[in-house]
Amino acid sequence: MEMRIKNILIAVLLAVMSSTLVWADEQENALDAYKRQDYKTALQIFKNEANQKKAYTQSSLGHMYYEGKGVPQDYAEAVKWFRLAELN
């Protein structure tokens, strides 16, 4: 029984670690796109991640709206995303 619990815990740990790595890759892809001024790609990734309640990408999305990078400048939309990031 003890070995079974240990195996389950290892499986859960591996699942969490792999999902964290995927998120880190997505975040890096979005930041790379933003740096290349490929705002369309950055926006798409940030929106997808932000809708999953990830504070860093919500803040990044707010920044895009605040600066008008790849989207029409919209302070109200920027504030919305900054506030959501603050809650997460």
Protein backbone atom coordinates (compact mmCIF):
# COMPACT_ATOMS: atom_id res chain seq x y z
CA MET A 1 0.00 0.00 0.00
CA GLU A 2 2.78 2.42 0.91
CA MET A 3 4.53 1.82 -2.45
CA ARG A 4 1.28 2.54 -4.30
CA ILE A 5 0.86 5.90 -2.56
CA LYS A 6 4.47 6.75 -3.34
CA ASN A 7 3.92 5.93 -7.03
CA ILE A 8 0.78 8.06 -7.14
CA LEU A 9 2.61 11.01 -5.56
CA ILE A 10 5.44 10.67 -8.08
CA ALA A 11 2.94 10.61 -10.97
CA VAL A 12 1.20 13.74 -9.66
CA LEU A 13 4.52 15.52 -9.21
CA LEU A 14 5.61 14.68 -12.77
CA ALA A 15 2.27 15.91 -14.15
CA VAL A 16 2.60 19.23 -12.31
CA MET A 17 6.19 19.68 -13.43
CA SER A 18 5.37 19.00 -17.09
CA SER A 19 2.43 21.42 -17.09
CA THR A 20 4.68 24.08 -15.55
CA LEU A 21 7.25 23.54 -18.29
CA VAL A 22 4.60 23.88 -21.01
CA TRP A 23 3.39 27.14 -19.45
CA ALA A 24 6.96 28.43 -19.27
CA ASP A 25 7.43 27.62 -22.96
CA GLU A 26 4.23 29.49 -23.85
CA GLN A 27 5.28 32.47 -21.77
CA GLU A 28 8.70 32.50 -23.43
CA ASN A 29 7.12 32.20 -26.89
CA ALA A 30 4.84 35.16 -26.16
CA LEU A 31 7.70 37.29 -24.85
CA ASP A 32 9.88 36.42 -27.84
CA ALA A 33 7.05 37.36 -30.21
CA TYR A 34 6.53 40.63 -28.33
CA LYS A 35 10.24 41.48 -28.56
CA ARG A 36 10.15 40.79 -32.32
CA GLN A 37 7.15 43.12 -32.50
CA ASP A 38 5.00 40.19 -33.62
CA TYR A 39 2.16 41.53 -31.55
CA LYS A 40 -0.46 39.34 -33.21
CA THR A 41 1.25 36.16 -31.98
CA ALA A 42 2.04 37.64 -28.56
CA LEU A 43 -1.57 38.78 -28.16
CA GLN A 44 -2.92 35.37 -29.10
CA ILE A 45 -0.71 33.57 -26.57
CA PHE A 46 -1.22 36.15 -23.82
CA LYS A 47 -5.01 36.03 -24.26
CA ASN A 48 -5.06 32.24 -24.11
CA GLU A 49 -2.92 32.17 -20.99
CA ALA A 50 -4.66 35.17 -19.38
CA ASN A 51 -8.04 33.50 -19.75
CA GLN A 52 -6.60 30.61 -17.73
CA LYS A 53 -6.11 33.08 -14.86
CA LYS A 54 -2.33 33.36 -15.09
CA ALA A 55 -1.41 36.65 -13.45
CA TYR A 56 1.81 37.26 -15.38
CA THR A 57 0.10 37.01 -18.75
CA GLN A 58 -2.88 39.03 -17.55
CA SER A 59 -0.46 41.79 -16.61
CA SER A 60 1.34 41.48 -19.95
CA LEU A 61 -1.97 41.72 -21.78
CA GLY A 62 -2.84 44.81 -19.74
CA HIS A 63 0.49 46.31 -20.78
CA MET A 64 -0.27 45.68 -24.45
CA TYR A 65 -3.59 47.55 -24.12
CA TYR A 66 -1.99 50.34 -22.10
CA GLU A 67 0.73 50.89 -24.71
CA GLY A 68 -1.46 50.12 -27.73
CA LYS A 69 0.95 47.42 -28.93
CA GLY A 70 -0.89 45.21 -31.43
CA VAL A 71 -4.26 46.43 -30.17
CA PRO A 72 -5.99 49.80 -30.08
CA GLN A 73 -4.83 51.70 -27.00
CA ASP A 74 -7.53 51.17 -24.40
CA TYR A 75 -6.88 52.23 -20.82
CA ALA A 76 -10.13 50.69 -19.51
CA GLU A 77 -9.20 47.30 -21.00
CA ALA A 78 -5.68 47.66 -19.59
CA VAL A 79 -7.04 48.35 -16.10
CA LYS A 80 -9.37 45.35 -16.39
CA TRP A 81 -6.42 43.02 -17.07
CA PHE A 82 -4.21 44.64 -14.42
CA ARG A 83 -6.96 44.15 -11.82
CA LEU A 84 -7.48 40.53 -12.82
CA ALA A 85 -3.72 39.95 -12.48
CA GLU A 86 -3.82 41.48 -9.03
CA LEU A 87 -6.54 39.04 -7.97
CA ASN A 88 -4.57 36.00 -9.16
